[in-house]
Amino acid sequence: MRVPAFTGPVNHLLRANSWALERLAPHAGRVACFDNGPISVMMMVAANGEVTDAAQDAVPDVTIRMTPGIMLRILARDAMAWGEVKVEGDAEFVVAIHHVVSNIRWDFEEDLSRVVGDIAAHRMVTTGRKLDQWGRQSADNLARSFSEYWTEEQPLIASKHEVEAFVRDVDVLRDDVARLEKRVEGLEGR
């Protein structure tokens, strides 16, 4: 199902990052189709680098296919997610789109300041960043605690030392079996 492009929010981000407009402007008139399983969005680059909703019968110069999960990973800045995206079409246009999507930043403090004022927006953003940092640190600490518990207290997971010892023992056993096979072959030959 084709849905209308979200040109307003996309152009807002592009205008806030003028380098992105400059990067897309040489591709004026080209159409990109973002196919996300059941939903696809087609956008055309305007002469100034902004995007518009492509005509219903437009033929895309680039088709970018991804699952909703990959799209969320890309939005979360997971660089590895781009490797799972299927792309067809104009290589230069794809490179420009990838560069813009990978490097564009939303200055939400600036947008928030228009609603609540500069000081309140700054405090809200600072608090949000601190909460995000606290959440990440807490999740990391929890993961480390579970890992230590499961390797030391209730061994559900083998420790690195135990795995290395197991691998060494397997190597020794393999070598012993190989020597035994040679001996058996030697005895059978007599």
C-alpha atoms as a PDB file:
ATOM      1  CA  MET A   1       0.000   0.000   0.000  1.00  0.00           C
ATOM      2  CA  ARG A   2       1.437   3.336  -1.009  1.00  0.00           C
ATOM      3  CA  VAL A   3       1.066   6.124   1.542  1.00  0.00           C
ATOM      4  CA  PRO A   4       1.687   9.852   1.110  1.00  0.00           C
ATOM      5  CA  ALA A   5       5.225  10.963   1.885  1.00  0.00           C
ATOM      6  CA  PHE A   6       5.868  12.723   5.172  1.00  0.00           C
ATOM      7  CA  THR A   7       7.367  15.683   3.359  1.00  0.00           C
ATOM      8  CA  GLY A   8       6.678  18.271   6.069  1.00  0.00           C
ATOM      9  CA  PRO A   9       8.756  16.666   8.819  1.00  0.00           C
ATOM     10  CA  VAL A  10      11.416  15.502   6.342  1.00  0.00           C
ATOM     11  CA  ASN A  11      11.788  18.992   4.859  1.00  0.00           C
ATOM     12  CA  HIS A  12      11.918  20.493   8.366  1.00  0.00           C
ATOM     13  CA  LEU A  13      14.914  18.250   9.141  1.00  0.00           C
ATOM     14  CA  LEU A  14      16.517  19.000   5.771  1.00  0.00           C
ATOM     15  CA  ARG A  15      16.165  22.772   6.258  1.00  0.00           C
ATOM     16  CA  ALA A  16      17.707  22.504   9.742  1.00  0.00           C
ATOM     17  CA  ASN A  17      20.679  20.677   8.159  1.00  0.00           C
ATOM     18  CA  SER A  18      21.425  22.864   5.120  1.00  0.00           C
ATOM     19  CA  TRP A  19      24.285  20.595   4.025  1.00  0.00           C
ATOM     20  CA  ALA A  20      21.645  17.881   3.404  1.00  0.00           C
ATOM     21  CA  LEU A  21      19.771  20.158   0.984  1.00  0.00           C
ATOM     22  CA  GLU A  22      23.038  20.794  -0.870  1.00  0.00           C
ATOM     23  CA  ARG A  23      23.726  17.049  -0.993  1.00  0.00           C
ATOM     24  CA  LEU A  24      20.294  16.231  -2.457  1.00  0.00           C
ATOM     25  CA  ALA A  25      19.913  19.223  -4.846  1.00  0.00           C
ATOM     26  CA  PRO A  26      22.026  17.674  -7.652  1.00  0.00           C
ATOM     27  CA  HIS A  27      19.495  14.819  -7.740  1.00  0.00           C
ATOM     28  CA  ALA A  28      16.530  17.109  -8.476  1.00  0.00           C
ATOM     29  CA  GLY A  29      13.703  15.324 -10.267  1.00  0.00           C
ATOM     30  CA  ARG A  30      14.783  11.870  -9.121  1.00  0.00           C
ATOM     31  CA  VAL A  31      12.340   9.669  -7.261  1.00  0.00           C
ATOM     32  CA  ALA A  32      13.141   7.400  -4.319  1.00  0.00           C
ATOM     33  CA  CYS A  33      10.821   4.614  -3.190  1.00  0.00           C
ATOM     34  CA  PHE A  34      11.127   3.451   0.420  1.00  0.00           C
ATOM     35  CA  ASP A  35       9.463   0.037   0.517  1.00  0.00           C
ATOM     36  CA  ASN A  36       8.793  -1.152   4.053  1.00  0.00           C
ATOM     37  CA  GLY A  37       6.857  -4.356   3.497  1.00  0.00           C
ATOM     38  CA  PRO A  38       3.177  -3.465   3.437  1.00  0.00           C
ATOM     39  CA  ILE A  39       3.845   0.285   3.161  1.00  0.00           C
ATOM     40  CA  SER A  40       5.794   2.198   0.543  1.00  0.00           C
ATOM     41  CA  VAL A  41       6.574   5.897   0.327  1.00  0.00           C
ATOM     42  CA  MET A  42       7.754   7.658  -2.831  1.00  0.00           C
ATOM     43  CA  MET A  43       9.495  11.017  -2.677  1.00  0.00           C
ATOM     44  CA  MET A  44      10.881  13.232  -5.408  1.00  0.00           C
ATOM     45  CA  VAL A  45      13.795  15.600  -4.858  1.00  0.00           C
ATOM     46  CA  ALA A  46      12.989  19.228  -5.702  1.00  0.00           C
ATOM     47  CA  ALA A  47      15.490  21.678  -7.229  1.00  0.00           C
ATOM     48  CA  ASN A  48      16.320  23.178  -3.811  1.00  0.00           C
ATOM     49  CA  GLY A  49      17.035  19.742  -2.260  1.00  0.00           C
ATOM     50  CA  GLU A  50      13.733  19.447  -0.408  1.00  0.00           C
ATOM     51  CA  VAL A  51      11.418  16.511  -1.092  1.00  0.00           C
ATOM     52  CA  THR A  52       7.887  16.356  -2.437  1.00  0.00           C
ATOM     53  CA  ASP A  53       5.367  13.554  -2.726  1.00  0.00           C
ATOM     54  CA  ALA A  54       6.053  11.778  -6.030  1.00  0.00           C
ATOM     55  CA  ALA A  55       3.309  11.470  -8.625  1.00  0.00           C
ATOM     56  CA  GLN A  56       1.152   8.354  -8.368  1.00  0.00           C
ATOM     57  CA  ASP A  57       2.502   7.000 -11.670  1.00  0.00           C
ATOM     58  CA  ALA A  58       6.157   7.977 -11.030  1.00  0.00           C
ATOM     59  CA  VAL A  59       8.855   5.409 -11.719  1.00  0.00           C
ATOM     60  CA  PRO A  60      11.438   5.328  -8.923  1.00  0.00           C
ATOM     61  CA  ASP A  61      15.100   5.926  -9.744  1.00  0.00           C
ATOM     62  CA  VAL A  62      15.970   4.160  -6.486  1.00  0.00           C
ATOM     63  CA  THR A  63      14.059   1.536  -4.520  1.00  0.00           C
ATOM     64  CA  ILE A  64      15.127   0.939  -0.927  1.00  0.00           C
ATOM     65  CA  ARG A  65      13.571  -2.182   0.623  1.00  0.00           C
ATOM     66  CA  MET A  66      13.701  -2.848   4.356  1.00  0.00           C
ATOM     67  CA  THR A  67      11.671  -4.494   7.089  1.00  0.00           C
ATOM     68  CA  PRO A  68      10.088  -2.394   9.845  1.00  0.00           C
ATOM     69  CA  GLY A  69      12.726  -3.740  12.263  1.00  0.00           C
ATOM     70  CA  ILE A  70      15.592  -2.629  10.026  1.00  0.00           C
ATOM     71  CA  MET A  71      13.965   0.779   9.629  1.00  0.00           C
ATOM     72  CA  LEU A  72      13.813   1.206  13.408  1.00  0.00           C
ATOM     73  CA  ARG A  73      17.457   0.156  13.704  1.00  0.00           C
ATOM     74  CA  ILE A  74      18.438   2.748  11.085  1.00  0.00           C
ATOM     75  CA  LEU A  75      16.496   5.433  12.945  1.00  0.00           C
ATOM     76  CA  ALA A  76      18.306   4.352  16.125  1.00  0.00           C
ATOM     77  CA  ARG A  77      21.632   4.953  14.309  1.00  0.00           C
ATOM     78  CA  ASP A  78      22.633   1.280  14.015  1.00  0.00           C
ATOM     79  CA  ALA A  79      25.238   1.413  11.237  1.00  0.00           C
ATOM     80  CA  MET A  80      25.100  -2.371  10.780  1.00  0.00           C
ATOM     81  CA  ALA A  81      21.431  -2.188   9.762  1.00  0.00           C
ATOM     82  CA  TRP A  82      22.333  -0.636   6.389  1.00  0.00           C
ATOM     83  CA  GLY A  83      23.951  -3.919   5.408  1.00  0.00           C
ATOM     84  CA  GLU A  84      20.543  -5.616   5.530  1.00  0.00           C
ATOM     85  CA  VAL A  85      18.788  -3.072   3.296  1.00  0.00           C
ATOM     86  CA  LYS A  86      18.096  -4.113  -0.317  1.00  0.00           C
ATOM     87  CA  VAL A  87      18.743  -1.316  -2.796  1.00  0.00           C
ATOM     88  CA  GLU A  88      18.030  -1.091  -6.521  1.00  0.00           C
ATOM     89  CA  GLY A  89      18.711   1.785  -8.866  1.00  0.00           C
ATOM     90  CA  ASP A  90      20.980   4.802  -9.314  1.00  0.00           C
ATOM     91  CA  ALA A  91      24.113   4.302  -7.199  1.00  0.00           C
ATOM     92  CA  GLU A  92      24.954   8.020  -6.848  1.00  0.00           C
ATOM     93  CA  PHE A  93      21.456   8.795  -5.616  1.00  0.00           C
ATOM     94  CA  VAL A  94      21.637   5.902  -3.137  1.00  0.00           C
ATOM     95  CA  VAL A  95      24.953   7.191  -1.772  1.00  0.00           C
ATOM     96  CA  ALA A  96      23.463  10.666  -1.302  1.00  0.00           C
ATOM     97  CA  ILE A  97      20.382   9.276   0.478  1.00  0.00           C
ATOM     98  CA  HIS A  98      22.521   7.049   2.709  1.00  0.00           C
ATOM     99  CA  HIS A  99      24.782   9.970   3.630  1.00  0.00           C
ATOM    100  CA  VAL A 100      21.847  12.224   4.480  1.00  0.00           C
ATOM    101  CA  VAL A 101      19.982   9.601   6.513  1.00  0.00           C
ATOM    102  CA  SER A 102      23.145   8.563   8.375  1.00  0.00           C
ATOM    103  CA  ASN A 103      24.273  12.074   9.275  1.00  0.00           C
ATOM    104  CA  ILE A 104      21.159  14.203   9.640  1.00  0.00           C
ATOM    105  CA  ARG A 105      20.425  15.356  13.183  1.00  0.00           C
ATOM    106  CA  TRP A 106      17.247  16.710  14.707  1.00  0.00           C
ATOM    107  CA  ASP A 107      17.819  19.696  16.997  1.00  0.00           C
ATOM    108  CA  PHE A 108      14.800  18.903  19.154  1.00  0.00           C
ATOM    109  CA  GLU A 109      15.897  21.465  21.767  1.00  0.00           C
ATOM    110  CA  GLU A 110      15.470  24.218  19.171  1.00  0.00           C
ATOM    111  CA  ASP A 111      12.013  22.973  18.179  1.00  0.00           C
ATOM    112  CA  LEU A 112      10.968  22.473  21.796  1.00  0.00           C
ATOM    113  CA  SER A 113      12.115  26.004  22.693  1.00  0.00           C
ATOM    114  CA  ARG A 114       9.498  27.420  20.308  1.00  0.00           C
ATOM    115  CA  VAL A 115       6.809  25.739  22.409  1.00  0.00           C
ATOM    116  CA  VAL A 116       8.030  26.082  26.001  1.00  0.00           C
ATOM    117  CA  GLY A 117      10.800  28.692  25.785  1.00  0.00           C
ATOM    118  CA  ASP A 118      14.587  28.468  25.700  1.00  0.00           C
ATOM    119  CA  ILE A 119      15.319  27.829  29.375  1.00  0.00           C
ATOM    120  CA  ALA A 120      12.614  25.208  29.863  1.00  0.00           C
ATOM    121  CA  ALA A 121      13.589  23.447  26.634  1.00  0.00           C
ATOM    122  CA  HIS A 122      17.260  23.358  27.663  1.00  0.00           C
ATOM    123  CA  ARG A 123      16.390  21.947  31.084  1.00  0.00           C
ATOM    124  CA  MET A 124      14.035  19.352  29.623  1.00  0.00           C
ATOM    125  CA  VAL A 125      16.610  18.195  27.086  1.00  0.00           C
ATOM    126  CA  THR A 126      19.388  18.080  29.707  1.00  0.00           C
ATOM    127  CA  THR A 127      17.159  16.064  32.028  1.00  0.00           C
ATOM    128  CA  GLY A 128      16.192  13.735  29.181  1.00  0.00           C
ATOM    129  CA  ARG A 129      19.846  13.125  28.315  1.00  0.00           C
ATOM    130  CA  LYS A 130      20.683  12.406  31.952  1.00  0.00           C
ATOM    131  CA  LEU A 131      17.758   9.983  32.212  1.00  0.00           C
ATOM    132  CA  ASP A 132      18.841   8.273  28.991  1.00  0.00           C
ATOM    133  CA  GLN A 133      22.420   7.968  30.273  1.00  0.00           C
ATOM    134  CA  TRP A 134      21.167   6.643  33.624  1.00  0.00           C
ATOM    135  CA  GLY A 135      18.951   4.101  31.852  1.00  0.00           C
ATOM    136  CA  ARG A 136      21.791   2.864  29.651  1.00  0.00           C
ATOM    137  CA  GLN A 137      24.163   2.619  32.604  1.00  0.00           C
ATOM    138  CA  SER A 138      21.555   0.786  34.695  1.00  0.00           C
ATOM    139  CA  ALA A 139      20.889  -1.692  31.878  1.00  0.00           C
ATOM    140  CA  ASP A 140      24.630  -2.277  31.473  1.00  0.00           C
ATOM    141  CA  ASN A 141      25.075  -2.818  35.220  1.00  0.00           C
ATOM    142  CA  LEU A 142      22.120  -5.215  35.316  1.00  0.00           C
ATOM    143  CA  ALA A 143      23.486  -7.208  32.375  1.00  0.00           C
ATOM    144  CA  ARG A 144      26.902  -7.442  34.040  1.00  0.00           C
ATOM    145  CA  SER A 145      25.321  -8.546  37.312  1.00  0.00           C
ATOM    146  CA  PHE A 146      23.294 -11.285  35.606  1.00  0.00           C
ATOM    147  CA  SER A 147      26.349 -12.384  33.652  1.00  0.00           C
ATOM    148  CA  GLU A 148      28.439 -12.646  36.806  1.00  0.00           C
ATOM    149  CA  TYR A 149      25.649 -14.437  38.659  1.00  0.00           C
ATOM    150  CA  TRP A 150      25.120 -16.959  35.845  1.00  0.00           C
ATOM    151  CA  THR A 151      28.849 -17.671  35.448  1.00  0.00           C
ATOM    152  CA  GLU A 152      29.917 -17.646  39.116  1.00  0.00           C
ATOM    153  CA  GLU A 153      26.963 -18.242  41.459  1.00  0.00           C
ATOM    154  CA  GLN A 154      24.548 -20.324  39.356  1.00  0.00           C
ATOM    155  CA  PRO A 155      26.620 -21.529  36.385  1.00  0.00           C
ATOM    156  CA  LEU A 156      24.237 -21.402  33.455  1.00  0.00           C
ATOM    157  CA  ILE A 157      26.870 -19.799  31.241  1.00  0.00           C
ATOM    158  CA  ALA A 158      30.427 -21.071  30.929  1.00  0.00           C
ATOM    159  CA  SER A 159      33.134 -18.589  31.817  1.00  0.00           C
ATOM    160  CA  LYS A 160      35.782 -17.638  29.268  1.00  0.00           C
ATOM    161  CA  HIS A 161      38.371 -19.676  31.202  1.00  0.00           C
ATOM    162  CA  GLU A 162      36.151 -22.778  31.188  1.00  0.00           C
ATOM    163  CA  VAL A 163      35.477 -22.494  27.458  1.00  0.00           C
ATOM    164  CA  GLU A 164      39.197 -22.120  26.716  1.00  0.00           C
ATOM    165  CA  ALA A 165      39.981 -25.180  28.860  1.00  0.00           C
ATOM    166  CA  PHE A 166      37.263 -27.181  27.064  1.00  0.00           C
ATOM    167  CA  VAL A 167      38.666 -26.196  23.658  1.00  0.00           C
ATOM    168  CA  ARG A 168      42.190 -27.221  24.755  1.00  0.00           C
ATOM    169  CA  ASP A 169      40.867 -30.574  25.995  1.00  0.00           C
ATOM    170  CA  VAL A 170      39.059 -31.183  22.697  1.00  0.00           C
ATOM    171  CA  ASP A 171      42.276 -30.425  20.787  1.00  0.00           C
ATOM    172  CA  VAL A 172      44.243 -32.853  22.958  1.00  0.00           C
ATOM    173  CA  LEU A 173      41.575 -35.541  22.489  1.00  0.00           C
ATOM    174  CA  ARG A 174      41.567 -35.006  18.716  1.00  0.00           C
ATOM    175  CA  ASP A 175      45.366 -35.374  18.604  1.00  0.00           C
ATOM    176  CA  ASP A 176      45.222 -38.500  20.794  1.00  0.00           C
ATOM    177  CA  VAL A 177      42.595 -40.066  18.513  1.00  0.00           C
ATOM    178  CA  ALA A 178      44.713 -39.272  15.458  1.00  0.00           C
ATOM    179  CA  ARG A 179      47.759 -40.944  17.064  1.00  0.00           C
ATOM    180  CA  LEU A 180      45.664 -43.976  18.033  1.00  0.00           C
ATOM    181  CA  GLU A 181      44.358 -44.285  14.470  1.00  0.00           C
ATOM    182  CA  LYS A 182      47.937 -44.248  13.156  1.00  0.00           C
ATOM    183  CA  ARG A 183      48.923 -46.977  15.642  1.00  0.00           C
ATOM    184  CA  VAL A 184      45.913 -49.119  14.641  1.00  0.00           C
ATOM    185  CA  GLU A 185      46.795 -48.651  10.953  1.00  0.00           C
ATOM    186  CA  GLY A 186      50.375 -49.657  11.759  1.00  0.00           C
ATOM    187  CA  LEU A 187      49.259 -52.778  13.615  1.00  0.00           C
ATOM    188  CA  GLU A 188      46.845 -53.739  10.825  1.00  0.00           C
ATOM    189  CA  GLY A 189      49.685 -53.372   8.319  1.00  0.00           C
ATOM    190  CA  ARG A 190      51.825 -55.936  10.168  1.00  0.00           C
END
